[in-house]
N, C-alpha and C. Protein backbone atom coordinates (compact mmCIF):
# COMPACT_ATOMS: atom_id res chain seq x y z
N MET A 1 0.84 -1.18 0.00
CA MET A 1 0.00 0.00 0.00
C MET A 1 0.88 1.24 0.00
N GLN A 2 0.53 2.16 -0.87
CA GLN A 2 1.33 3.37 -1.01
C GLN A 2 0.88 4.39 0.03
N HIS A 3 1.85 5.03 0.68
CA HIS A 3 1.55 6.08 1.65
C HIS A 3 1.69 7.42 0.95
N LEU A 4 0.68 8.25 1.15
CA LEU A 4 0.69 9.57 0.54
C LEU A 4 1.02 10.62 1.58
N SER A 5 1.74 11.62 1.14
CA SER A 5 2.04 12.70 2.06
C SER A 5 0.77 13.49 2.34
N PHE A 6 0.79 14.25 3.39
CA PHE A 6 -0.37 15.04 3.79
C PHE A 6 -0.81 15.98 2.66
N ASN A 7 0.16 16.66 2.00
CA ASN A 7 -0.17 17.60 0.94
C ASN A 7 -0.83 16.90 -0.24
N ARG A 8 -0.34 15.70 -0.56
CA ARG A 8 -0.93 14.97 -1.68
C ARG A 8 -2.38 14.56 -1.34
N ARG A 9 -2.62 14.13 -0.11
CA ARG A 9 -3.97 13.77 0.31
C ARG A 9 -4.89 14.99 0.23
N GLU A 10 -4.37 16.12 0.65
CA GLU A 10 -5.17 17.34 0.63
C GLU A 10 -5.54 17.69 -0.82
N THR A 11 -4.60 17.54 -1.74
CA THR A 11 -4.87 17.81 -3.14
C THR A 11 -5.92 16.85 -3.68
N LEU A 12 -5.79 15.59 -3.37
CA LEU A 12 -6.77 14.61 -3.82
C LEU A 12 -8.13 14.92 -3.23
N SER A 13 -8.17 15.34 -1.99
CA SER A 13 -9.44 15.67 -1.36
C SER A 13 -10.10 16.85 -2.06
N LYS A 14 -9.32 17.84 -2.44
CA LYS A 14 -9.87 18.98 -3.15
C LYS A 14 -10.41 18.56 -4.51
N LYS A 15 -9.67 17.67 -5.18
CA LYS A 15 -10.14 17.19 -6.48
C LYS A 15 -11.42 16.38 -6.31
N ALA A 16 -11.46 15.54 -5.30
CA ALA A 16 -12.65 14.74 -5.05
C ALA A 16 -13.84 15.64 -4.72
N LEU A 17 -13.60 16.66 -3.89
CA LEU A 17 -14.65 17.59 -3.54
C LEU A 17 -15.14 18.34 -4.77
N ALA A 18 -14.23 18.77 -5.62
CA ALA A 18 -14.61 19.48 -6.84
C ALA A 18 -15.46 18.57 -7.74
N ALA A 19 -15.07 17.31 -7.87
CA ALA A 19 -15.83 16.36 -8.69
C ALA A 19 -17.21 16.13 -8.10
N LEU A 20 -17.27 16.02 -6.77
CA LEU A 20 -18.55 15.81 -6.10
C LEU A 20 -19.46 17.02 -6.30
N LEU A 21 -18.92 18.22 -6.17
CA LEU A 21 -19.71 19.42 -6.37
C LEU A 21 -20.19 19.54 -7.81
N PHE A 22 -19.33 19.19 -8.75
CA PHE A 22 -19.72 19.21 -10.16
C PHE A 22 -20.87 18.24 -10.41
N ALA A 23 -20.75 17.03 -9.87
CA ALA A 23 -21.81 16.02 -10.05
C ALA A 23 -23.12 16.49 -9.43
N ALA A 24 -23.04 17.07 -8.26
CA ALA A 24 -24.25 17.56 -7.59
C ALA A 24 -24.89 18.70 -8.39
N THR A 25 -24.05 19.56 -8.93
CA THR A 25 -24.56 20.66 -9.74
C THR A 25 -25.29 20.12 -10.97
N MET A 26 -24.75 19.10 -11.61
CA MET A 26 -25.38 18.51 -12.78
C MET A 26 -26.73 17.90 -12.41
N LEU A 27 -26.79 17.23 -11.27
CA LEU A 27 -28.03 16.60 -10.84
C LEU A 27 -29.09 17.64 -10.48
N MET A 28 -28.67 18.81 -10.05
CA MET A 28 -29.62 19.84 -9.61
C MET A 28 -29.94 20.83 -10.73
N GLY A 29 -29.63 20.50 -11.97
CA GLY A 29 -30.00 21.38 -13.07
C GLY A 29 -28.85 22.14 -13.66
N GLY A 30 -27.68 21.98 -13.17
CA GLY A 30 -26.53 22.66 -13.74
C GLY A 30 -26.17 22.15 -15.11
N ALA A 31 -26.72 21.01 -15.49
CA ALA A 31 -26.45 20.48 -16.82
C ALA A 31 -26.91 21.47 -17.88
N SER A 32 -28.00 22.16 -17.61
CA SER A 32 -28.48 23.12 -18.59
C SER A 32 -27.49 24.27 -18.74
N LEU A 33 -26.82 24.65 -17.66
CA LEU A 33 -25.81 25.70 -17.76
C LEU A 33 -24.61 25.22 -18.56
N ALA A 34 -24.19 23.99 -18.32
CA ALA A 34 -23.06 23.45 -19.06
C ALA A 34 -23.42 23.29 -20.53
N ALA A 35 -24.65 22.90 -20.80
CA ALA A 35 -25.08 22.67 -22.17
C ALA A 35 -25.20 23.97 -22.95
N GLN A 36 -25.38 25.10 -22.29
CA GLN A 36 -25.56 26.37 -22.99
C GLN A 36 -24.36 26.70 -23.87
N ASP A 37 -23.19 26.19 -23.53
CA ASP A 37 -22.01 26.43 -24.36
C ASP A 37 -22.13 25.71 -25.69
N ASN A 38 -22.97 24.68 -25.77
CA ASN A 38 -23.10 23.87 -26.97
C ASN A 38 -24.36 24.19 -27.77
N LEU A 39 -25.01 25.31 -27.48
CA LEU A 39 -26.26 25.64 -28.17
C LEU A 39 -26.00 25.94 -29.64
N VAL A 40 -26.94 25.47 -30.48
CA VAL A 40 -26.89 25.77 -31.90
C VAL A 40 -28.22 26.40 -32.31
N TYR A 41 -28.17 27.15 -33.40
CA TYR A 41 -29.33 27.90 -33.87
C TYR A 41 -29.49 27.66 -35.38
N PRO A 42 -29.99 26.48 -35.78
CA PRO A 42 -30.00 26.13 -37.19
C PRO A 42 -30.90 26.99 -38.08
N VAL A 43 -31.94 27.60 -37.53
CA VAL A 43 -32.87 28.39 -38.35
C VAL A 43 -32.98 29.82 -37.86
N ILE A 44 -33.10 30.01 -36.55
CA ILE A 44 -33.33 31.33 -35.98
C ILE A 44 -32.10 31.73 -35.14
N PRO A 45 -31.21 32.53 -35.72
CA PRO A 45 -29.97 32.89 -35.03
C PRO A 45 -30.22 33.66 -33.74
N GLY A 46 -29.56 33.22 -32.67
CA GLY A 46 -29.59 33.94 -31.41
C GLY A 46 -30.77 33.68 -30.50
N PHE A 47 -31.76 32.94 -30.98
CA PHE A 47 -32.95 32.67 -30.17
C PHE A 47 -33.32 31.19 -30.24
N GLY A 48 -33.80 30.66 -29.11
CA GLY A 48 -34.28 29.28 -29.10
C GLY A 48 -33.20 28.26 -29.35
N GLY A 49 -32.03 28.49 -28.74
CA GLY A 49 -30.91 27.58 -28.94
C GLY A 49 -31.23 26.16 -28.50
N ILE A 50 -30.66 25.20 -29.21
CA ILE A 50 -30.89 23.79 -28.91
C ILE A 50 -29.55 23.08 -28.75
N VAL A 51 -29.59 21.92 -28.14
CA VAL A 51 -28.42 21.07 -28.00
C VAL A 51 -28.65 19.84 -28.86
N ALA A 52 -27.69 19.52 -29.70
CA ALA A 52 -27.81 18.33 -30.55
C ALA A 52 -27.71 17.08 -29.68
N VAL A 53 -28.70 16.21 -29.80
CA VAL A 53 -28.71 14.93 -29.09
C VAL A 53 -28.98 13.84 -30.13
N PRO A 54 -27.94 13.38 -30.82
CA PRO A 54 -28.13 12.43 -31.92
C PRO A 54 -28.81 11.12 -31.51
N SER A 55 -28.71 10.75 -30.25
CA SER A 55 -29.30 9.48 -29.80
C SER A 55 -30.76 9.61 -29.36
N ALA A 56 -31.36 10.81 -29.48
CA ALA A 56 -32.74 11.00 -29.05
C ALA A 56 -33.67 10.10 -29.86
N ALA A 57 -34.65 9.51 -29.19
CA ALA A 57 -35.54 8.56 -29.85
C ALA A 57 -36.58 9.25 -30.73
N GLU A 58 -37.44 10.08 -30.17
CA GLU A 58 -38.49 10.75 -30.95
C GLU A 58 -37.91 12.01 -31.54
N ARG A 59 -37.90 12.09 -32.87
CA ARG A 59 -37.29 13.22 -33.57
C ARG A 59 -38.30 13.82 -34.55
N PRO A 60 -38.05 15.03 -35.02
CA PRO A 60 -38.90 15.58 -36.07
C PRO A 60 -38.92 14.65 -37.28
N ASP A 61 -40.09 14.51 -37.87
CA ASP A 61 -40.28 13.57 -38.98
C ASP A 61 -40.52 14.34 -40.27
N PRO A 62 -39.61 14.25 -41.23
CA PRO A 62 -39.78 15.00 -42.48
C PRO A 62 -41.00 14.56 -43.30
N LYS A 63 -41.60 13.43 -42.95
CA LYS A 63 -42.80 12.96 -43.66
C LYS A 63 -44.07 13.62 -43.13
N LEU A 64 -43.99 14.27 -41.97
CA LEU A 64 -45.17 14.90 -41.37
C LEU A 64 -45.28 16.36 -41.82
N ARG A 65 -46.50 16.85 -41.86
CA ARG A 65 -46.73 18.28 -42.06
C ARG A 65 -46.97 18.88 -40.68
N TYR A 66 -46.05 19.69 -40.23
CA TYR A 66 -46.17 20.31 -38.91
C TYR A 66 -47.00 21.57 -39.03
N ARG A 67 -48.20 21.54 -38.45
CA ARG A 67 -49.08 22.71 -38.35
C ARG A 67 -49.30 22.91 -36.86
N VAL A 68 -48.62 23.90 -36.30
CA VAL A 68 -48.58 24.06 -34.85
C VAL A 68 -48.92 25.50 -34.48
N LEU A 69 -49.76 25.64 -33.47
CA LEU A 69 -50.17 26.94 -32.95
C LEU A 69 -49.68 27.08 -31.52
N PHE A 70 -48.89 28.11 -31.27
CA PHE A 70 -48.39 28.40 -29.93
C PHE A 70 -49.27 29.48 -29.31
N ASN A 71 -49.70 29.24 -28.09
CA ASN A 71 -50.48 30.21 -27.32
C ASN A 71 -49.53 30.94 -26.39
N VAL A 72 -49.39 32.25 -26.55
CA VAL A 72 -48.50 33.05 -25.70
C VAL A 72 -49.35 34.07 -24.97
N SER A 73 -49.54 33.83 -23.67
CA SER A 73 -50.37 34.74 -22.87
C SER A 73 -49.66 35.24 -21.62
N LYS A 74 -48.54 34.66 -21.27
CA LYS A 74 -47.83 35.07 -20.06
C LYS A 74 -46.74 36.07 -20.39
N ALA A 75 -46.61 37.08 -19.56
CA ALA A 75 -45.56 38.08 -19.73
C ALA A 75 -44.22 37.51 -19.25
N ALA A 76 -43.14 38.09 -19.74
CA ALA A 76 -41.80 37.73 -19.25
C ALA A 76 -41.67 38.17 -17.80
N SER A 77 -40.70 37.63 -17.10
CA SER A 77 -40.49 37.97 -15.69
C SER A 77 -40.10 39.43 -15.49
N SER A 78 -39.57 40.03 -16.53
CA SER A 78 -39.15 41.43 -16.48
C SER A 78 -39.30 42.00 -17.90
N PRO A 79 -39.71 43.28 -18.04
CA PRO A 79 -39.93 43.83 -19.37
C PRO A 79 -38.67 43.96 -20.22
N ASP A 80 -37.49 43.82 -19.61
CA ASP A 80 -36.25 43.89 -20.39
C ASP A 80 -35.75 42.51 -20.81
N ARG A 81 -36.60 41.48 -20.63
CA ARG A 81 -36.24 40.11 -21.01
C ARG A 81 -37.12 39.63 -22.15
N VAL A 82 -36.54 38.76 -22.98
CA VAL A 82 -37.30 38.12 -24.04
C VAL A 82 -38.37 37.23 -23.40
N ASN A 83 -39.55 37.23 -23.97
CA ASN A 83 -40.63 36.41 -23.46
C ASN A 83 -40.29 34.92 -23.68
N PRO A 84 -40.22 34.12 -22.60
CA PRO A 84 -39.82 32.72 -22.74
C PRO A 84 -40.80 31.88 -23.56
N SER A 85 -42.07 32.21 -23.54
CA SER A 85 -43.03 31.47 -24.36
C SER A 85 -42.83 31.76 -25.84
N LEU A 86 -42.47 33.00 -26.16
CA LEU A 86 -42.19 33.35 -27.55
C LEU A 86 -40.88 32.69 -28.00
N GLU A 87 -39.91 32.65 -27.12
CA GLU A 87 -38.64 32.00 -27.47
C GLU A 87 -38.82 30.50 -27.67
N LYS A 88 -39.82 29.92 -27.01
CA LYS A 88 -40.12 28.49 -27.20
C LYS A 88 -40.50 28.21 -28.65
N VAL A 89 -41.14 29.17 -29.31
CA VAL A 89 -41.48 29.01 -30.72
C VAL A 89 -40.20 28.89 -31.54
N ALA A 90 -39.23 29.76 -31.26
CA ALA A 90 -37.94 29.70 -31.96
C ALA A 90 -37.24 28.37 -31.69
N ARG A 91 -37.32 27.89 -30.46
CA ARG A 91 -36.69 26.60 -30.12
C ARG A 91 -37.30 25.47 -30.95
N PHE A 92 -38.63 25.50 -31.08
CA PHE A 92 -39.31 24.47 -31.87
C PHE A 92 -38.87 24.52 -33.33
N VAL A 93 -38.83 25.72 -33.89
CA VAL A 93 -38.40 25.87 -35.29
C VAL A 93 -36.95 25.40 -35.44
N ASN A 94 -36.10 25.71 -34.48
CA ASN A 94 -34.71 25.25 -34.53
C ASN A 94 -34.61 23.73 -34.41
N LEU A 95 -35.44 23.13 -33.55
CA LEU A 95 -35.44 21.67 -33.42
C LEU A 95 -35.85 21.02 -34.73
N LEU A 96 -36.88 21.55 -35.37
CA LEU A 96 -37.29 21.01 -36.66
C LEU A 96 -36.17 21.18 -37.69
N GLY A 97 -35.62 22.37 -37.76
CA GLY A 97 -34.57 22.67 -38.74
C GLY A 97 -33.32 21.83 -38.57
N ALA A 98 -33.00 21.48 -37.34
CA ALA A 98 -31.81 20.65 -37.09
C ALA A 98 -31.95 19.28 -37.75
N ASP A 99 -33.19 18.84 -37.93
CA ASP A 99 -33.44 17.56 -38.60
C ASP A 99 -33.97 17.76 -40.02
N LYS A 100 -33.66 18.93 -40.59
CA LYS A 100 -34.00 19.23 -41.99
C LYS A 100 -35.51 19.24 -42.26
N VAL A 101 -36.29 19.62 -41.25
CA VAL A 101 -37.74 19.76 -41.41
C VAL A 101 -38.03 21.25 -41.46
N HIS A 102 -38.62 21.69 -42.57
CA HIS A 102 -38.90 23.12 -42.77
C HIS A 102 -40.37 23.29 -43.14
N PRO A 103 -41.22 23.59 -42.14
CA PRO A 103 -42.65 23.79 -42.43
C PRO A 103 -42.88 24.93 -43.41
N ALA A 104 -43.97 24.85 -44.13
CA ALA A 104 -44.34 25.91 -45.05
C ALA A 104 -44.66 27.19 -44.27
N ALA A 105 -44.52 28.32 -44.93
CA ALA A 105 -44.84 29.60 -44.30
C ALA A 105 -46.27 29.56 -43.78
N GLY A 106 -46.45 29.96 -42.53
CA GLY A 106 -47.77 29.98 -41.90
C GLY A 106 -48.16 28.69 -41.21
N ASP A 107 -47.41 27.62 -41.42
CA ASP A 107 -47.75 26.36 -40.75
C ASP A 107 -47.38 26.38 -39.26
N ILE A 108 -46.50 27.27 -38.88
CA ILE A 108 -46.23 27.52 -37.46
C ILE A 108 -46.79 28.91 -37.19
N ALA A 109 -47.67 28.99 -36.19
CA ALA A 109 -48.30 30.26 -35.85
C ALA A 109 -48.23 30.48 -34.35
N VAL A 110 -48.27 31.74 -33.98
CA VAL A 110 -48.29 32.10 -32.56
C VAL A 110 -49.36 33.17 -32.37
N ILE A 111 -50.20 32.97 -31.36
CA ILE A 111 -51.20 33.98 -31.01
C ILE A 111 -50.82 34.57 -29.65
N ILE A 112 -50.71 35.88 -29.61
CA ILE A 112 -50.27 36.60 -28.41
C ILE A 112 -51.46 37.36 -27.84
N HIS A 113 -51.65 37.24 -26.53
CA HIS A 113 -52.77 37.91 -25.87
C HIS A 113 -52.51 37.96 -24.37
N GLY A 114 -53.47 38.49 -23.62
CA GLY A 114 -53.35 38.56 -22.17
C GLY A 114 -52.17 39.42 -21.74
N PRO A 115 -51.55 39.09 -20.60
CA PRO A 115 -50.43 39.88 -20.11
C PRO A 115 -49.23 39.95 -21.06
N ALA A 116 -49.14 39.04 -22.01
CA ALA A 116 -48.03 39.06 -22.97
C ALA A 116 -48.22 40.09 -24.08
N THR A 117 -49.40 40.64 -24.22
CA THR A 117 -49.74 41.50 -25.36
C THR A 117 -48.72 42.60 -25.66
N PRO A 118 -48.20 43.36 -24.70
CA PRO A 118 -47.28 44.44 -25.05
C PRO A 118 -46.01 44.01 -25.79
N LEU A 119 -45.69 42.74 -25.80
CA LEU A 119 -44.46 42.32 -26.48
C LEU A 119 -44.52 42.57 -27.98
N ILE A 120 -45.71 42.84 -28.53
CA ILE A 120 -45.84 43.08 -29.97
C ILE A 120 -45.64 44.55 -30.34
N LEU A 121 -45.41 45.40 -29.35
CA LEU A 121 -45.19 46.82 -29.61
C LEU A 121 -43.88 47.08 -30.35
N GLN A 122 -43.88 48.11 -31.18
CA GLN A 122 -42.64 48.59 -31.79
C GLN A 122 -41.73 49.08 -30.66
N ASN A 123 -40.46 49.27 -30.98
CA ASN A 123 -39.47 49.65 -29.95
C ASN A 123 -39.84 50.90 -29.16
N ALA A 124 -40.15 51.99 -29.83
CA ALA A 124 -40.40 53.26 -29.11
C ALA A 124 -41.61 53.18 -28.17
N PRO A 125 -42.76 52.69 -28.63
CA PRO A 125 -43.89 52.61 -27.69
C PRO A 125 -43.64 51.61 -26.56
N TYR A 126 -42.91 50.53 -26.86
CA TYR A 126 -42.60 49.55 -25.82
C TYR A 126 -41.71 50.19 -24.76
N ALA A 127 -40.65 50.87 -25.21
CA ALA A 127 -39.70 51.50 -24.29
C ALA A 127 -40.40 52.52 -23.40
N ALA A 128 -41.27 53.33 -23.99
CA ALA A 128 -41.98 54.35 -23.22
C ALA A 128 -42.93 53.72 -22.20
N ARG A 129 -43.63 52.68 -22.60
CA ARG A 129 -44.61 52.04 -21.72
C ARG A 129 -43.92 51.25 -20.61
N MET A 130 -42.87 50.53 -20.96
CA MET A 130 -42.24 49.60 -20.02
C MET A 130 -41.04 50.18 -19.28
N LYS A 131 -40.65 51.39 -19.64
CA LYS A 131 -39.52 52.07 -18.99
C LYS A 131 -38.22 51.28 -19.15
N VAL A 132 -37.98 50.81 -20.37
CA VAL A 132 -36.74 50.11 -20.72
C VAL A 132 -36.19 50.73 -22.00
N ALA A 133 -34.98 50.35 -22.37
CA ALA A 133 -34.33 50.95 -23.54
C ALA A 133 -35.03 50.58 -24.86
N ALA A 134 -35.45 49.32 -24.99
CA ALA A 134 -36.06 48.86 -26.25
C ALA A 134 -36.84 47.58 -25.98
N ASN A 135 -37.59 47.15 -26.97
CA ASN A 135 -38.35 45.91 -26.87
C ASN A 135 -37.42 44.72 -27.11
N PRO A 136 -37.16 43.90 -26.09
CA PRO A 136 -36.25 42.77 -26.28
C PRO A 136 -36.83 41.68 -27.18
N ASN A 137 -38.12 41.77 -27.49
CA ASN A 137 -38.78 40.77 -28.34
C ASN A 137 -38.79 41.15 -29.82
N ALA A 138 -38.43 42.39 -30.14
CA ALA A 138 -38.53 42.89 -31.52
C ALA A 138 -37.69 42.05 -32.49
N ALA A 139 -36.46 41.79 -32.15
CA ALA A 139 -35.59 41.01 -33.04
C ALA A 139 -36.09 39.57 -33.17
N LEU A 140 -36.62 39.02 -32.08
CA LEU A 140 -37.15 37.65 -32.13
C LEU A 140 -38.38 37.59 -33.03
N ILE A 141 -39.28 38.56 -32.91
CA ILE A 141 -40.47 38.59 -33.78
C ILE A 141 -40.04 38.65 -35.25
N ALA A 142 -39.10 39.52 -35.57
CA ALA A 142 -38.62 39.65 -36.95
C ALA A 142 -37.99 38.33 -37.43
N ALA A 143 -37.21 37.68 -36.57
CA ALA A 143 -36.57 36.42 -36.94
C ALA A 143 -37.59 35.31 -37.15
N LEU A 144 -38.60 35.27 -36.30
CA LEU A 144 -39.67 34.27 -36.48
C LEU A 144 -40.39 34.50 -37.81
N GLN A 145 -40.72 35.75 -38.10
CA GLN A 145 -41.40 36.06 -39.35
C GLN A 145 -40.54 35.68 -40.55
N LYS A 146 -39.25 35.96 -40.48
CA LYS A 146 -38.33 35.61 -41.57
C LYS A 146 -38.31 34.10 -41.79
N ALA A 147 -38.49 33.33 -40.72
CA ALA A 147 -38.51 31.87 -40.81
C ALA A 147 -39.87 31.32 -41.23
N GLY A 148 -40.84 32.20 -41.49
CA GLY A 148 -42.15 31.76 -41.96
C GLY A 148 -43.20 31.58 -40.89
N VAL A 149 -42.88 31.97 -39.65
CA VAL A 149 -43.85 31.86 -38.56
C VAL A 149 -44.85 33.01 -38.66
N SER A 150 -46.12 32.68 -38.54
CA SER A 150 -47.18 33.68 -38.53
C SER A 150 -47.34 34.19 -37.09
N VAL A 151 -47.00 35.46 -36.88
CA VAL A 151 -47.10 36.06 -35.54
C VAL A 151 -48.37 36.91 -35.51
N ARG A 152 -49.25 36.59 -34.54
CA ARG A 152 -50.57 37.23 -34.47
C ARG A 152 -50.83 37.76 -33.07
N VAL A 153 -51.68 38.76 -32.99
CA VAL A 153 -52.07 39.31 -31.70
C VAL A 153 -53.58 39.46 -31.67
N CYS A 154 -54.14 39.33 -30.51
CA CYS A 154 -55.58 39.46 -30.28
C CYS A 154 -55.97 40.94 -30.28
N SER A 155 -56.94 41.31 -31.14
CA SER A 155 -57.37 42.72 -31.18
C SER A 155 -58.05 43.13 -29.88
N GLN A 156 -58.73 42.19 -29.24
CA GLN A 156 -59.38 42.50 -27.96
C GLN A 156 -58.33 42.84 -26.91
N ALA A 157 -57.19 42.14 -26.97
CA ALA A 157 -56.11 42.40 -26.02
C ALA A 157 -55.41 43.73 -26.30
N ILE A 158 -55.25 44.09 -27.58
CA ILE A 158 -54.59 45.38 -27.83
C ILE A 158 -55.50 46.53 -27.41
N VAL A 159 -56.81 46.38 -27.63
CA VAL A 159 -57.75 47.41 -27.16
C VAL A 159 -57.71 47.47 -25.63
N GLY A 160 -57.74 46.32 -24.97
CA GLY A 160 -57.71 46.27 -23.51
C GLY A 160 -56.43 46.82 -22.91
N ASN A 161 -55.35 46.80 -23.70
CA ASN A 161 -54.06 47.32 -23.25
C ASN A 161 -53.78 48.73 -23.79
N SER A 162 -54.79 49.36 -24.37
CA SER A 162 -54.66 50.72 -24.94
C SER A 162 -53.51 50.82 -25.92
N ILE A 163 -53.40 49.82 -26.79
CA ILE A 163 -52.38 49.82 -27.84
C ILE A 163 -53.06 50.17 -29.16
N MET A 164 -52.51 51.13 -29.86
CA MET A 164 -53.03 51.54 -31.16
C MET A 164 -52.50 50.57 -32.22
N PRO A 165 -53.30 50.21 -33.22
CA PRO A 165 -52.80 49.33 -34.28
C PRO A 165 -51.52 49.84 -34.93
N SER A 166 -51.35 51.15 -35.01
CA SER A 166 -50.14 51.74 -35.61
C SER A 166 -48.89 51.49 -34.76
N GLN A 167 -49.07 51.08 -33.50
CA GLN A 167 -47.93 50.81 -32.61
C GLN A 167 -47.47 49.35 -32.67
N VAL A 168 -48.24 48.51 -33.35
CA VAL A 168 -47.92 47.08 -33.44
C VAL A 168 -46.74 46.88 -34.39
N ALA A 169 -45.83 46.00 -34.02
CA ALA A 169 -44.64 45.72 -34.83
C ALA A 169 -45.03 45.29 -36.24
N SER A 170 -44.21 45.65 -37.18
CA SER A 170 -44.45 45.35 -38.59
C SER A 170 -44.63 43.85 -38.81
N GLY A 171 -45.64 43.51 -39.60
CA GLY A 171 -45.87 42.12 -39.97
C GLY A 171 -46.69 41.31 -38.98
N VAL A 172 -46.93 41.85 -37.78
CA VAL A 172 -47.76 41.14 -36.80
C VAL A 172 -49.21 41.28 -37.22
N GLU A 173 -49.88 40.16 -37.40
CA GLU A 173 -51.29 40.18 -37.82
C GLU A 173 -52.18 40.45 -36.61
N ILE A 174 -53.16 41.30 -36.79
CA ILE A 174 -54.12 41.60 -35.73
C ILE A 174 -55.37 40.77 -36.01
N ASP A 175 -55.60 39.76 -35.19
CA ASP A 175 -56.76 38.89 -35.33
C ASP A 175 -57.93 39.42 -34.51
N ASP A 176 -59.13 38.98 -34.86
CA ASP A 176 -60.33 39.42 -34.15
C ASP A 176 -60.21 39.14 -32.66
N SER A 177 -59.81 37.91 -32.33
CA SER A 177 -59.62 37.56 -30.92
C SER A 177 -58.74 36.32 -30.84
N ALA A 178 -58.07 36.17 -29.72
CA ALA A 178 -57.28 34.96 -29.50
C ALA A 178 -58.20 33.75 -29.46
N LEU A 179 -59.37 33.91 -28.87
CA LEU A 179 -60.32 32.79 -28.79
C LEU A 179 -60.69 32.29 -30.18
N THR A 180 -60.95 33.22 -31.10
CA THR A 180 -61.30 32.84 -32.47
C THR A 180 -60.13 32.16 -33.16
N THR A 181 -58.94 32.72 -33.03
CA THR A 181 -57.76 32.14 -33.65
C THR A 181 -57.48 30.75 -33.10
N LEU A 182 -57.56 30.61 -31.77
CA LEU A 182 -57.33 29.30 -31.15
C LEU A 182 -58.32 28.27 -31.67
N ALA A 183 -59.59 28.66 -31.78
CA ALA A 183 -60.61 27.72 -32.27
C ALA A 183 -60.41 27.43 -33.76
N ASN A 184 -60.31 28.47 -34.58
CA ASN A 184 -60.21 28.27 -36.02
C ASN A 184 -59.02 27.42 -36.42
N LEU A 185 -57.86 27.75 -35.90
CA LEU A 185 -56.67 27.01 -36.33
C LEU A 185 -56.69 25.55 -35.86
N GLN A 186 -57.23 25.31 -34.68
CA GLN A 186 -57.33 23.92 -34.24
C GLN A 186 -58.35 23.14 -35.09
N ILE A 187 -59.44 23.78 -35.46
CA ILE A 187 -60.42 23.13 -36.34
C ILE A 187 -59.77 22.82 -37.69
N ARG A 188 -58.85 23.69 -38.12
CA ARG A 188 -58.14 23.48 -39.40
C ARG A 188 -57.00 22.46 -39.28
N GLY A 189 -56.80 21.91 -38.09
CA GLY A 189 -55.81 20.84 -37.93
C GLY A 189 -54.50 21.23 -37.27
N TYR A 190 -54.39 22.45 -36.76
CA TYR A 190 -53.18 22.84 -36.04
C TYR A 190 -53.19 22.18 -34.66
N VAL A 191 -52.01 21.81 -34.19
CA VAL A 191 -51.84 21.28 -32.84
C VAL A 191 -51.52 22.45 -31.92
N LEU A 192 -52.15 22.52 -30.76
CA LEU A 192 -51.93 23.64 -29.83
C LEU A 192 -50.83 23.30 -28.85
N ILE A 193 -49.88 24.23 -28.70
CA ILE A 193 -48.86 24.15 -27.65
C ILE A 193 -49.08 25.34 -26.74
N PRO A 194 -49.55 25.08 -25.50
CA PRO A 194 -49.82 26.19 -24.57
C PRO A 194 -48.53 26.75 -23.96
N ASP A 195 -48.64 27.96 -23.38
CA ASP A 195 -47.44 28.49 -22.71
C ASP A 195 -47.44 28.14 -21.25
């Protein structure tokens, strides 16, 4: 049996402690922090990053027609943050794109209403209303639209939030109501993903 000096034992103990702390961090959700270094953005740059997992069992299927409606009604935790429900749309598009699945324009749609409604404002009205420098969702909305996602807002919600149609970001469709959009698109075969 080999005898180790006190300093060598201390070094090994520090290494063992570091390994134990790393393992505990991974078990408690730190894996997502470590994985963030490996994020890729195959369709929507800078938003909805994904981690490639080649061994994943259920994957996007290029034989399917993806017609998906995202319901976005919750506000971000802070007005200077991107809305996580809206970013989920980008993540879905990136997941599809990573497996070479590219839905037709309009086959992915998002309806925005409720407390999330102000995220559709142009930069200046958003900044004035929310007391921040700019709308952190503006670039994401533009990127989603460029990828063929139909971004829509409930007209009842914009009226209820005292938003003028002229203040709505370019390309955002103003629908009669979120309720109508949710019903119509599901009747037409869209799958609903709630926030």
